[in-house]
Amino acid sequence: MNPYWGKTFFTFFVELFLRLTGWRDDIVLAPDEIQVFTLIGIAVSSALIGSLLFLRKMTMLANALSHTILLGIVITFLFIRMFSEGAFEIDIPTMFVASLLTALLTTFFTFLLKNTFFLKEDASISLVFSALFALGIILVTVFTKSSHIGTEIVMGNVDALHINDLKLVSSILLLNILLFVLFYKEYLITTFDPLLSKAIGISPLIFNYLLMLQTSWAIIAAFRAVGVLLVLTFLVGPVITARLFTHEFKKMVLIAALVGVLASLIGVALSRHLLTVFHLSLSTAGLTVTVIGALYLSSLAYHKIVRKVRLTSPT
């Protein structure tokens, strides 16, 4: 039986604390705990990547990736269904590779239009994003009417997560942390001074592609939980919230990660509370994204109030 069944918002945290502090090897992760840890993994990974995307002004490209990856997922789904008789299971590793290739294709075409045909970056992104996402939507609409692939890939389904999803998200998180540590200096210099990076032999283009690669597999790992659309909020929301409090890169990453972790905990606890008290089964991913938005708006209001007090107070 799920130990969180019938728990309200605050008793959820009490139960979670008791289970974590009294952890034993024979304790199996409950569904709510899998949801919490998976969302936390997505949030921390997104904080690392999202901070670099924000500072490089590449969040629009991340938005394009989060949409066009749908095309790779749907094509893989249709391909597997074509060669399967009767019921079949979606091959997640194959889908992962196909989605990754679609993301790389999106990045390639965007940079091609920008650097070869000299289109502005926003125009290049818009053109590629619109074309590939439209194709993905057409395929979903025409070929997956009787399947859950449409809604679950677009919006995610946190309640359907299992331990393998947590392992995948954890693996991607560790990989992103490793690359972040190994190329910390290169990422910083190509972000803040690309001209200097070229002068000392560090190619900004290579690290743009690497960052897009990291963004791609982070989005793919997150699609089971939050879909390919809501993941954008994880990439951007905590980062712009952190930016209100600091201009130091390390602190911004840390604060963004904490905001994402807090939103994940509140989102799952709130979902359980609404189910227990009001018998409302709402999307946990949607609630978590809403919490991220609420945290940003609260931080923005606090920032403006503090700034106004400082301006009006006598020196």
C-alpha atoms as a PDB file:
ATOM      1  CA  MET A   1       0.000   0.000   0.000  1.00  0.00           C
ATOM      2  CA  ASN A   2       1.190   3.518  -0.810  1.00  0.00           C
ATOM      3  CA  PRO A   3       2.300   5.100   2.515  1.00  0.00           C
ATOM      4  CA  TYR A   4       1.199   8.497   1.215  1.00  0.00           C
ATOM      5  CA  TRP A   5      -2.384   7.471   0.587  1.00  0.00           C
ATOM      6  CA  GLY A   6      -4.747   9.812   2.429  1.00  0.00           C
ATOM      7  CA  LYS A   7      -2.008  12.299   3.322  1.00  0.00           C
ATOM      8  CA  THR A   8      -2.597  16.038   3.202  1.00  0.00           C
ATOM      9  CA  PHE A   9      -0.079  18.706   2.215  1.00  0.00           C
ATOM     10  CA  PHE A  10       1.787  18.912   5.536  1.00  0.00           C
ATOM     11  CA  THR A  11       1.445  15.279   6.537  1.00  0.00           C
ATOM     12  CA  PHE A  12       2.980  14.391   3.181  1.00  0.00           C
ATOM     13  CA  PHE A  13       6.207  16.137   4.202  1.00  0.00           C
ATOM     14  CA  VAL A  14       6.101  14.526   7.643  1.00  0.00           C
ATOM     15  CA  GLU A  15       5.801  11.063   6.098  1.00  0.00           C
ATOM     16  CA  LEU A  16       8.558  11.808   3.580  1.00  0.00           C
ATOM     17  CA  PHE A  17      10.884  13.033   6.332  1.00  0.00           C
ATOM     18  CA  LEU A  18      10.210   9.987   8.517  1.00  0.00           C
ATOM     19  CA  ARG A  19      10.817   7.582   5.649  1.00  0.00           C
ATOM     20  CA  LEU A  20      14.027   9.302   4.552  1.00  0.00           C
ATOM     21  CA  THR A  21      15.470   9.562   8.051  1.00  0.00           C
ATOM     22  CA  GLY A  22      14.501   5.985   8.861  1.00  0.00           C
ATOM     23  CA  TRP A  23      15.716   4.616   5.537  1.00  0.00           C
ATOM     24  CA  ARG A  24      16.522   0.926   5.341  1.00  0.00           C
ATOM     25  CA  ASP A  25      17.812  -1.216   2.502  1.00  0.00           C
ATOM     26  CA  ASP A  26      14.573  -3.175   2.379  1.00  0.00           C
ATOM     27  CA  ILE A  27      12.373  -0.089   1.881  1.00  0.00           C
ATOM     28  CA  VAL A  28      10.978   0.184  -1.638  1.00  0.00           C
ATOM     29  CA  LEU A  29      10.425   3.627  -3.117  1.00  0.00           C
ATOM     30  CA  ALA A  30       6.752   4.571  -3.060  1.00  0.00           C
ATOM     31  CA  PRO A  31       5.184   6.072  -6.228  1.00  0.00           C
ATOM     32  CA  ASP A  32       5.103   9.558  -4.661  1.00  0.00           C
ATOM     33  CA  GLU A  33       8.799   9.294  -3.815  1.00  0.00           C
ATOM     34  CA  ILE A  34       9.648   8.249  -7.366  1.00  0.00           C
ATOM     35  CA  GLN A  35       7.728  11.300  -8.565  1.00  0.00           C
ATOM     36  CA  VAL A  36       9.560  13.619  -6.157  1.00  0.00           C
ATOM     37  CA  PHE A  37      13.045  12.328  -6.940  1.00  0.00           C
ATOM     38  CA  THR A  38      12.420  12.248 -10.694  1.00  0.00           C
ATOM     39  CA  LEU A  39      11.166  15.833 -10.733  1.00  0.00           C
ATOM     40  CA  ILE A  40      14.095  16.914  -8.551  1.00  0.00           C
ATOM     41  CA  GLY A  41      16.517  15.278 -10.988  1.00  0.00           C
ATOM     42  CA  ILE A  42      14.874  17.092 -13.886  1.00  0.00           C
ATOM     43  CA  ALA A  43      14.936  20.378 -11.952  1.00  0.00           C
ATOM     44  CA  VAL A  44      18.635  20.211 -11.028  1.00  0.00           C
ATOM     45  CA  SER A  45      19.669  19.149 -14.538  1.00  0.00           C
ATOM     46  CA  SER A  46      17.547  21.958 -15.984  1.00  0.00           C
ATOM     47  CA  ALA A  47      19.151  24.491 -13.627  1.00  0.00           C
ATOM     48  CA  LEU A  48      22.627  23.630 -14.911  1.00  0.00           C
ATOM     49  CA  ILE A  49      21.641  23.794 -18.568  1.00  0.00           C
ATOM     50  CA  GLY A  50      19.065  26.560 -18.280  1.00  0.00           C
ATOM     51  CA  SER A  51      21.541  28.967 -16.668  1.00  0.00           C
ATOM     52  CA  LEU A  52      23.878  28.657 -19.646  1.00  0.00           C
ATOM     53  CA  LEU A  53      21.007  28.903 -22.136  1.00  0.00           C
ATOM     54  CA  PHE A  54      19.702  32.040 -20.447  1.00  0.00           C
ATOM     55  CA  LEU A  55      23.069  33.784 -20.347  1.00  0.00           C
ATOM     56  CA  ARG A  56      23.781  32.842 -23.962  1.00  0.00           C
ATOM     57  CA  LYS A  57      20.318  34.068 -24.992  1.00  0.00           C
ATOM     58  CA  MET A  58      19.529  30.630 -26.416  1.00  0.00           C
ATOM     59  CA  THR A  59      16.312  29.871 -24.555  1.00  0.00           C
ATOM     60  CA  MET A  60      14.320  30.265 -27.773  1.00  0.00           C
ATOM     61  CA  LEU A  61      16.360  27.471 -29.334  1.00  0.00           C
ATOM     62  CA  ALA A  62      15.665  25.320 -26.271  1.00  0.00           C
ATOM     63  CA  ASN A  63      11.974  26.081 -26.803  1.00  0.00           C
ATOM     64  CA  ALA A  64      12.304  24.880 -30.386  1.00  0.00           C
ATOM     65  CA  LEU A  65      14.031  21.677 -29.248  1.00  0.00           C
ATOM     66  CA  SER A  66      11.368  20.935 -26.672  1.00  0.00           C
ATOM     67  CA  HIS A  67       8.771  21.027 -29.450  1.00  0.00           C
ATOM     68  CA  THR A  68      10.578  19.425 -32.405  1.00  0.00           C
ATOM     69  CA  ILE A  69      11.690  16.419 -30.349  1.00  0.00           C
ATOM     70  CA  LEU A  70       8.033  15.399 -30.602  1.00  0.00           C
ATOM     71  CA  LEU A  71       8.683  14.559 -34.255  1.00  0.00           C
ATOM     72  CA  GLY A  72      11.412  12.034 -33.423  1.00  0.00           C
ATOM     73  CA  ILE A  73       9.333  10.435 -30.683  1.00  0.00           C
ATOM     74  CA  VAL A  74       6.285  10.008 -32.925  1.00  0.00           C
ATOM     75  CA  ILE A  75       8.295   8.663 -35.879  1.00  0.00           C
ATOM     76  CA  THR A  76       9.902   6.057 -33.622  1.00  0.00           C
ATOM     77  CA  PHE A  77       6.511   5.102 -32.181  1.00  0.00           C
ATOM     78  CA  LEU A  78       5.084   4.622 -35.668  1.00  0.00           C
ATOM     79  CA  PHE A  79       8.129   2.688 -36.844  1.00  0.00           C
ATOM     80  CA  ILE A  80       7.922   0.250 -33.918  1.00  0.00           C
ATOM     81  CA  ARG A  81       4.177  -0.166 -34.385  1.00  0.00           C
ATOM     82  CA  MET A  82       4.647  -0.891 -38.078  1.00  0.00           C
ATOM     83  CA  PHE A  83       6.828  -3.933 -37.392  1.00  0.00           C
ATOM     84  CA  SER A  84       4.932  -5.186 -34.353  1.00  0.00           C
ATOM     85  CA  GLU A  85       2.004  -7.584 -34.357  1.00  0.00           C
ATOM     86  CA  GLY A  86      -0.702  -6.896 -31.800  1.00  0.00           C
ATOM     87  CA  ALA A  87       0.313  -5.311 -28.487  1.00  0.00           C
ATOM     88  CA  PHE A  88       3.846  -3.940 -28.206  1.00  0.00           C
ATOM     89  CA  GLU A  89       6.037  -1.977 -25.844  1.00  0.00           C
ATOM     90  CA  ILE A  90       7.697   1.261 -26.838  1.00  0.00           C
ATOM     91  CA  ASP A  91      11.457   0.809 -27.032  1.00  0.00           C
ATOM     92  CA  ILE A  92      12.605   3.716 -24.868  1.00  0.00           C
ATOM     93  CA  PRO A  93      16.332   3.497 -25.835  1.00  0.00           C
ATOM     94  CA  THR A  94      15.445   3.547 -29.537  1.00  0.00           C
ATOM     95  CA  MET A  95      13.055   6.429 -28.972  1.00  0.00           C
ATOM     96  CA  PHE A  96      15.773   8.216 -27.016  1.00  0.00           C
ATOM     97  CA  VAL A  97      18.237   7.956 -29.927  1.00  0.00           C
ATOM     98  CA  ALA A  98      15.637   9.011 -32.511  1.00  0.00           C
ATOM     99  CA  SER A  99      14.612  12.033 -30.453  1.00  0.00           C
ATOM    100  CA  LEU A 100      18.253  12.969 -29.946  1.00  0.00           C
ATOM    101  CA  LEU A 101      18.854  12.857 -33.694  1.00  0.00           C
ATOM    102  CA  THR A 102      15.812  15.071 -34.240  1.00  0.00           C
ATOM    103  CA  ALA A 103      17.156  17.566 -31.721  1.00  0.00           C
ATOM    104  CA  LEU A 104      20.558  17.602 -33.413  1.00  0.00           C
ATOM    105  CA  LEU A 105      18.822  18.059 -36.757  1.00  0.00           C
ATOM    106  CA  THR A 106      16.932  21.050 -35.342  1.00  0.00           C
ATOM    107  CA  THR A 107      20.155  22.600 -34.077  1.00  0.00           C
ATOM    108  CA  PHE A 108      21.967  21.924 -37.347  1.00  0.00           C
ATOM    109  CA  PHE A 109      19.277  23.496 -39.536  1.00  0.00           C
ATOM    110  CA  THR A 110      19.040  26.503 -37.199  1.00  0.00           C
ATOM    111  CA  PHE A 111      22.773  27.214 -37.338  1.00  0.00           C
ATOM    112  CA  LEU A 112      22.791  26.474 -41.097  1.00  0.00           C
ATOM    113  CA  LEU A 113      20.132  29.096 -41.816  1.00  0.00           C
ATOM    114  CA  LYS A 114      21.875  31.563 -39.525  1.00  0.00           C
ATOM    115  CA  ASN A 115      25.490  31.093 -40.609  1.00  0.00           C
ATOM    116  CA  THR A 116      25.109  30.062 -44.265  1.00  0.00           C
ATOM    117  CA  PHE A 117      21.977  31.870 -45.416  1.00  0.00           C
ATOM    118  CA  PHE A 118      22.505  34.772 -42.984  1.00  0.00           C
ATOM    119  CA  LEU A 119      19.023  34.741 -41.531  1.00  0.00           C
ATOM    120  CA  LYS A 120      18.617  36.278 -38.104  1.00  0.00           C
ATOM    121  CA  GLU A 121      18.733  33.783 -35.275  1.00  0.00           C
ATOM    122  CA  ASP A 122      15.120  34.288 -34.203  1.00  0.00           C
ATOM    123  CA  ALA A 123      13.939  33.899 -37.813  1.00  0.00           C
ATOM    124  CA  SER A 124      15.988  30.692 -38.245  1.00  0.00           C
ATOM    125  CA  ILE A 125      14.650  29.197 -35.033  1.00  0.00           C
ATOM    126  CA  SER A 126      11.073  30.137 -35.876  1.00  0.00           C
ATOM    127  CA  LEU A 127      11.274  28.610 -39.344  1.00  0.00           C
ATOM    128  CA  VAL A 128      12.801  25.301 -38.248  1.00  0.00           C
ATOM    129  CA  PHE A 129      10.695  25.092 -35.100  1.00  0.00           C
ATOM    130  CA  SER A 130       7.416  25.730 -36.934  1.00  0.00           C
ATOM    131  CA  ALA A 131       8.107  23.261 -39.738  1.00  0.00           C
ATOM    132  CA  LEU A 132       9.289  20.311 -37.616  1.00  0.00           C
ATOM    133  CA  PHE A 133       6.767  20.812 -34.821  1.00  0.00           C
ATOM    134  CA  ALA A 134       3.907  21.111 -37.325  1.00  0.00           C
ATOM    135  CA  LEU A 135       4.995  17.837 -38.922  1.00  0.00           C
ATOM    136  CA  GLY A 136       5.088  16.185 -35.501  1.00  0.00           C
ATOM    137  CA  ILE A 137       1.590  17.433 -34.651  1.00  0.00           C
ATOM    138  CA  ILE A 138       0.254  16.171 -37.993  1.00  0.00           C
ATOM    139  CA  LEU A 139       1.696  12.708 -37.366  1.00  0.00           C
ATOM    140  CA  VAL A 140       0.274  12.625 -33.829  1.00  0.00           C
ATOM    141  CA  THR A 141      -3.160  13.715 -35.061  1.00  0.00           C
ATOM    142  CA  VAL A 142      -3.355  11.328 -37.998  1.00  0.00           C
ATOM    143  CA  PHE A 143      -1.662   8.169 -36.724  1.00  0.00           C
ATOM    144  CA  THR A 144      -2.023   8.073 -32.923  1.00  0.00           C
ATOM    145  CA  LYS A 145      -5.710   8.795 -32.365  1.00  0.00           C
ATOM    146  CA  SER A 146      -6.270   5.598 -30.372  1.00  0.00           C
ATOM    147  CA  SER A 147      -3.043   5.866 -28.347  1.00  0.00           C
ATOM    148  CA  HIS A 148      -1.940   7.760 -25.254  1.00  0.00           C
ATOM    149  CA  ILE A 149       1.214   8.936 -27.007  1.00  0.00           C
ATOM    150  CA  GLY A 150      -0.326  12.279 -27.925  1.00  0.00           C
ATOM    151  CA  THR A 151      -1.257  13.588 -24.483  1.00  0.00           C
ATOM    152  CA  GLU A 152       1.457  11.876 -22.459  1.00  0.00           C
ATOM    153  CA  ILE A 153       4.331  13.007 -24.660  1.00  0.00           C
ATOM    154  CA  VAL A 154       3.057  16.555 -24.899  1.00  0.00           C
ATOM    155  CA  MET A 155       2.037  16.994 -21.234  1.00  0.00           C
ATOM    156  CA  GLY A 156       3.746  14.082 -19.470  1.00  0.00           C
ATOM    157  CA  ASN A 157       2.309  11.749 -16.851  1.00  0.00           C
ATOM    158  CA  VAL A 158       4.112  11.862 -13.515  1.00  0.00           C
ATOM    159  CA  ASP A 159       1.693   9.349 -11.987  1.00  0.00           C
ATOM    160  CA  ALA A 160       2.834   6.674 -14.472  1.00  0.00           C
ATOM    161  CA  LEU A 161       6.530   6.930 -13.570  1.00  0.00           C
ATOM    162  CA  HIS A 162       8.437   3.888 -12.354  1.00  0.00           C
ATOM    163  CA  ILE A 163      11.938   3.236 -11.078  1.00  0.00           C
ATOM    164  CA  ASN A 164      13.437   2.985 -14.581  1.00  0.00           C
ATOM    165  CA  ASP A 165      12.377   6.574 -15.295  1.00  0.00           C
ATOM    166  CA  LEU A 166      14.150   7.709 -12.135  1.00  0.00           C
ATOM    167  CA  LYS A 167      17.285   5.812 -13.192  1.00  0.00           C
ATOM    168  CA  LEU A 168      17.219   7.464 -16.614  1.00  0.00           C
ATOM    169  CA  VAL A 169      16.787  10.974 -15.181  1.00  0.00           C
ATOM    170  CA  SER A 170      19.528  10.305 -12.602  1.00  0.00           C
ATOM    171  CA  SER A 171      21.918   9.109 -15.317  1.00  0.00           C
ATOM    172  CA  ILE A 172      21.308  12.209 -17.413  1.00  0.00           C
ATOM    173  CA  LEU A 173      21.758  14.415 -14.344  1.00  0.00           C
ATOM    174  CA  LEU A 174      25.105  12.814 -13.505  1.00  0.00           C
ATOM    175  CA  LEU A 175      26.234  13.143 -17.131  1.00  0.00           C
ATOM    176  CA  ASN A 176      25.288  16.824 -17.234  1.00  0.00           C
ATOM    177  CA  ILE A 177      27.059  17.471 -13.927  1.00  0.00           C
ATOM    178  CA  LEU A 178      30.178  15.704 -15.229  1.00  0.00           C
ATOM    179  CA  LEU A 179      30.262  17.754 -18.441  1.00  0.00           C
ATOM    180  CA  PHE A 180      29.512  20.911 -16.468  1.00  0.00           C
ATOM    181  CA  VAL A 181      32.523  20.269 -14.204  1.00  0.00           C
ATOM    182  CA  LEU A 182      34.872  19.175 -17.007  1.00  0.00           C
ATOM    183  CA  PHE A 183      34.107  22.121 -19.283  1.00  0.00           C
ATOM    184  CA  TYR A 184      33.262  24.753 -16.678  1.00  0.00           C
ATOM    185  CA  LYS A 185      36.018  27.124 -17.804  1.00  0.00           C
ATOM    186  CA  GLU A 186      35.189  26.664 -21.491  1.00  0.00           C
ATOM    187  CA  TYR A 187      31.485  27.223 -20.910  1.00  0.00           C
ATOM    188  CA  LEU A 188      32.149  30.386 -18.935  1.00  0.00           C
ATOM    189  CA  ILE A 189      34.503  31.971 -21.447  1.00  0.00           C
ATOM    190  CA  THR A 190      32.381  31.091 -24.509  1.00  0.00           C
ATOM    191  CA  THR A 191      29.336  32.470 -22.694  1.00  0.00           C
ATOM    192  CA  PHE A 192      30.716  35.759 -21.420  1.00  0.00           C
ATOM    193  CA  ASP A 193      33.456  36.547 -23.977  1.00  0.00           C
ATOM    194  CA  PRO A 194      33.147  34.553 -27.230  1.00  0.00           C
ATOM    195  CA  LEU A 195      35.650  36.792 -29.024  1.00  0.00           C
ATOM    196  CA  LEU A 196      38.328  36.050 -26.435  1.00  0.00           C
ATOM    197  CA  SER A 197      37.484  32.347 -26.573  1.00  0.00           C
ATOM    198  CA  LYS A 198      38.129  32.344 -30.330  1.00  0.00           C
ATOM    199  CA  ALA A 199      41.416  34.169 -29.820  1.00  0.00           C
ATOM    200  CA  ILE A 200      42.698  31.501 -27.414  1.00  0.00           C
ATOM    201  CA  GLY A 201      41.458  28.610 -29.555  1.00  0.00           C
ATOM    202  CA  ILE A 202      38.184  27.676 -27.821  1.00  0.00           C
ATOM    203  CA  SER A 203      35.385  27.401 -30.382  1.00  0.00           C
ATOM    204  CA  PRO A 204      32.041  28.874 -29.218  1.00  0.00           C
ATOM    205  CA  LEU A 205      30.279  26.880 -31.953  1.00  0.00           C
ATOM    206  CA  ILE A 206      31.500  23.544 -30.587  1.00  0.00           C
ATOM    207  CA  PHE A 207      30.250  24.367 -27.106  1.00  0.00           C
ATOM    208  CA  ASN A 208      26.969  25.654 -28.528  1.00  0.00           C
ATOM    209  CA  TYR A 209      26.464  22.228 -30.080  1.00  0.00           C
ATOM    210  CA  LEU A 210      27.509  20.493 -26.864  1.00  0.00           C
ATOM    211  CA  LEU A 211      25.052  22.592 -24.878  1.00  0.00           C
ATOM    212  CA  MET A 212      22.297  21.779 -27.353  1.00  0.00           C
ATOM    213  CA  LEU A 213      23.200  18.110 -27.054  1.00  0.00           C
ATOM    214  CA  GLN A 214      22.888  18.321 -23.256  1.00  0.00           C
ATOM    215  CA  THR A 215      19.612  20.197 -23.617  1.00  0.00           C
ATOM    216  CA  SER A 216      18.306  17.544 -25.979  1.00  0.00           C
ATOM    217  CA  TRP A 217      18.915  14.552 -23.760  1.00  0.00           C
ATOM    218  CA  ALA A 218      17.684  16.431 -20.687  1.00  0.00           C
ATOM    219  CA  ILE A 219      14.399  17.120 -22.499  1.00  0.00           C
ATOM    220  CA  ILE A 220      14.165  13.530 -23.709  1.00  0.00           C
ATOM    221  CA  ALA A 221      14.769  12.162 -20.206  1.00  0.00           C
ATOM    222  CA  ALA A 222      12.047  14.470 -18.881  1.00  0.00           C
ATOM    223  CA  PHE A 223       9.339  13.754 -21.458  1.00  0.00           C
ATOM    224  CA  ARG A 224       7.798  10.835 -19.556  1.00  0.00           C
ATOM    225  CA  ALA A 225       7.341  13.028 -16.486  1.00  0.00           C
ATOM    226  CA  VAL A 226       6.565  16.501 -17.824  1.00  0.00           C
ATOM    227  CA  GLY A 227       6.283  16.069 -21.582  1.00  0.00           C
ATOM    228  CA  VAL A 228       8.148  17.958 -24.257  1.00  0.00           C
ATOM    229  CA  LEU A 229       6.306  21.228 -23.611  1.00  0.00           C
ATOM    230  CA  LEU A 230       6.228  21.724 -19.840  1.00  0.00           C
ATOM    231  CA  VAL A 231       9.944  20.933 -19.571  1.00  0.00           C
ATOM    232  CA  LEU A 232      10.669  24.419 -20.932  1.00  0.00           C
ATOM    233  CA  THR A 233       9.386  25.882 -17.666  1.00  0.00           C
ATOM    234  CA  PHE A 234      11.958  23.806 -15.771  1.00  0.00           C
ATOM    235  CA  LEU A 235      14.695  25.161 -18.046  1.00  0.00           C
ATOM    236  CA  VAL A 236      13.701  28.817 -17.809  1.00  0.00           C
ATOM    237  CA  GLY A 237      11.496  29.473 -14.752  1.00  0.00           C
ATOM    238  CA  PRO A 238      13.945  28.687 -11.915  1.00  0.00           C
ATOM    239  CA  VAL A 239      16.776  30.462 -13.754  1.00  0.00           C
ATOM    240  CA  ILE A 240      14.968  33.759 -14.250  1.00  0.00           C
ATOM    241  CA  THR A 241      13.855  33.532 -10.617  1.00  0.00           C
ATOM    242  CA  ALA A 242      17.458  33.067  -9.497  1.00  0.00           C
ATOM    243  CA  ARG A 243      18.555  35.966 -11.688  1.00  0.00           C
ATOM    244  CA  LEU A 244      16.435  38.311  -9.573  1.00  0.00           C
ATOM    245  CA  PHE A 245      18.620  37.560  -6.545  1.00  0.00           C
ATOM    246  CA  THR A 246      22.135  37.323  -7.967  1.00  0.00           C
ATOM    247  CA  HIS A 247      24.351  38.087 -10.948  1.00  0.00           C
ATOM    248  CA  GLU A 248      27.033  35.578  -9.934  1.00  0.00           C
ATOM    249  CA  PHE A 249      26.950  32.486 -12.112  1.00  0.00           C
ATOM    250  CA  LYS A 250      27.569  29.833  -9.433  1.00  0.00           C
ATOM    251  CA  LYS A 251      25.000  31.347  -7.090  1.00  0.00           C
ATOM    252  CA  MET A 252      22.495  31.595  -9.925  1.00  0.00           C
ATOM    253  CA  VAL A 253      22.847  27.888 -10.715  1.00  0.00           C
ATOM    254  CA  LEU A 254      22.504  26.986  -7.029  1.00  0.00           C
ATOM    255  CA  ILE A 255      19.438  29.166  -6.453  1.00  0.00           C
ATOM    256  CA  ALA A 256      17.814  27.903  -9.670  1.00  0.00           C
ATOM    257  CA  ALA A 257      18.354  24.311  -8.532  1.00  0.00           C
ATOM    258  CA  LEU A 258      16.857  25.076  -5.105  1.00  0.00           C
ATOM    259  CA  VAL A 259      13.819  26.727  -6.719  1.00  0.00           C
ATOM    260  CA  GLY A 260      13.295  23.671  -8.917  1.00  0.00           C
ATOM    261  CA  VAL A 261      13.662  21.275  -5.986  1.00  0.00           C
ATOM    262  CA  LEU A 262      11.227  23.308  -3.873  1.00  0.00           C
ATOM    263  CA  ALA A 263       8.688  23.433  -6.699  1.00  0.00           C
ATOM    264  CA  SER A 264       8.982  19.659  -7.214  1.00  0.00           C
ATOM    265  CA  LEU A 265       8.336  18.929  -3.542  1.00  0.00           C
ATOM    266  CA  ILE A 266       5.398  21.333  -3.369  1.00  0.00           C
ATOM    267  CA  GLY A 267       3.944  20.083  -6.648  1.00  0.00           C
ATOM    268  CA  VAL A 268       3.821  16.433  -5.576  1.00  0.00           C
ATOM    269  CA  ALA A 269       2.582  17.293  -2.064  1.00  0.00           C
ATOM    270  CA  LEU A 270      -0.108  19.580  -3.480  1.00  0.00           C
ATOM    271  CA  SER A 271      -1.230  16.908  -5.938  1.00  0.00           C
ATOM    272  CA  ARG A 272      -1.593  14.408  -3.096  1.00  0.00           C
ATOM    273  CA  HIS A 273      -3.406  16.989  -0.939  1.00  0.00           C
ATOM    274  CA  LEU A 274      -5.955  17.821  -3.634  1.00  0.00           C
ATOM    275  CA  LEU A 275      -6.620  14.135  -4.225  1.00  0.00           C
ATOM    276  CA  THR A 276      -7.042  13.427  -0.504  1.00  0.00           C
ATOM    277  CA  VAL A 277      -9.135  16.439   0.494  1.00  0.00           C
ATOM    278  CA  PHE A 278     -11.050  17.351  -2.667  1.00  0.00           C
ATOM    279  CA  HIS A 279     -10.813  14.065  -4.633  1.00  0.00           C
ATOM    280  CA  LEU A 280      -9.297  15.991  -7.536  1.00  0.00           C
ATOM    281  CA  SER A 281      -6.839  14.055  -9.665  1.00  0.00           C
ATOM    282  CA  LEU A 282      -4.844  16.871 -11.266  1.00  0.00           C
ATOM    283  CA  SER A 283      -1.670  16.728 -13.319  1.00  0.00           C
ATOM    284  CA  THR A 284       1.315  16.716 -10.951  1.00  0.00           C
ATOM    285  CA  ALA A 285       3.536  18.094 -13.710  1.00  0.00           C
ATOM    286  CA  GLY A 286       1.042  20.902 -14.334  1.00  0.00           C
ATOM    287  CA  LEU A 287       0.897  21.728 -10.634  1.00  0.00           C
ATOM    288  CA  THR A 288       4.704  21.772 -10.390  1.00  0.00           C
ATOM    289  CA  VAL A 289       4.972  24.117 -13.362  1.00  0.00           C
ATOM    290  CA  THR A 290       2.310  26.341 -11.777  1.00  0.00           C
ATOM    291  CA  VAL A 291       4.335  26.426  -8.556  1.00  0.00           C
ATOM    292  CA  ILE A 292       7.445  27.454 -10.515  1.00  0.00           C
ATOM    293  CA  GLY A 293       5.449  30.309 -12.025  1.00  0.00           C
ATOM    294  CA  ALA A 294       4.104  31.310  -8.608  1.00  0.00           C
ATOM    295  CA  LEU A 295       7.621  31.308  -7.123  1.00  0.00           C
ATOM    296  CA  TYR A 296       8.837  33.561  -9.928  1.00  0.00           C
ATOM    297  CA  LEU A 297       5.954  36.015  -9.535  1.00  0.00           C
ATOM    298  CA  SER A 298       6.441  36.074  -5.750  1.00  0.00           C
ATOM    299  CA  SER A 299      10.166  36.685  -6.166  1.00  0.00           C
ATOM    300  CA  LEU A 300       9.507  39.406  -8.717  1.00  0.00           C
ATOM    301  CA  ALA A 301       7.058  41.145  -6.381  1.00  0.00           C
ATOM    302  CA  TYR A 302       9.541  40.878  -3.495  1.00  0.00           C
ATOM    303  CA  HIS A 303      12.328  42.228  -5.697  1.00  0.00           C
ATOM    304  CA  LYS A 304      10.256  45.226  -6.782  1.00  0.00           C
ATOM    305  CA  ILE A 305       9.138  45.981  -3.193  1.00  0.00           C
ATOM    306  CA  VAL A 306      12.720  45.845  -1.901  1.00  0.00           C
ATOM    307  CA  ARG A 307      13.917  48.018  -4.753  1.00  0.00           C
ATOM    308  CA  LYS A 308      11.169  50.553  -4.147  1.00  0.00           C
ATOM    309  CA  VAL A 309      11.977  50.704  -0.410  1.00  0.00           C
ATOM    310  CA  ARG A 310      15.643  51.271  -1.163  1.00  0.00           C
ATOM    311  CA  LEU A 311      14.856  54.077  -3.597  1.00  0.00           C
ATOM    312  CA  THR A 312      12.477  55.839  -1.236  1.00  0.00           C
ATOM    313  CA  SER A 313      14.503  55.405   1.964  1.00  0.00           C
ATOM    314  CA  PRO A 314      16.780  58.325   2.965  1.00  0.00           C
ATOM    315  CA  THR A 315      20.458  57.821   2.326  1.00  0.00           C
END
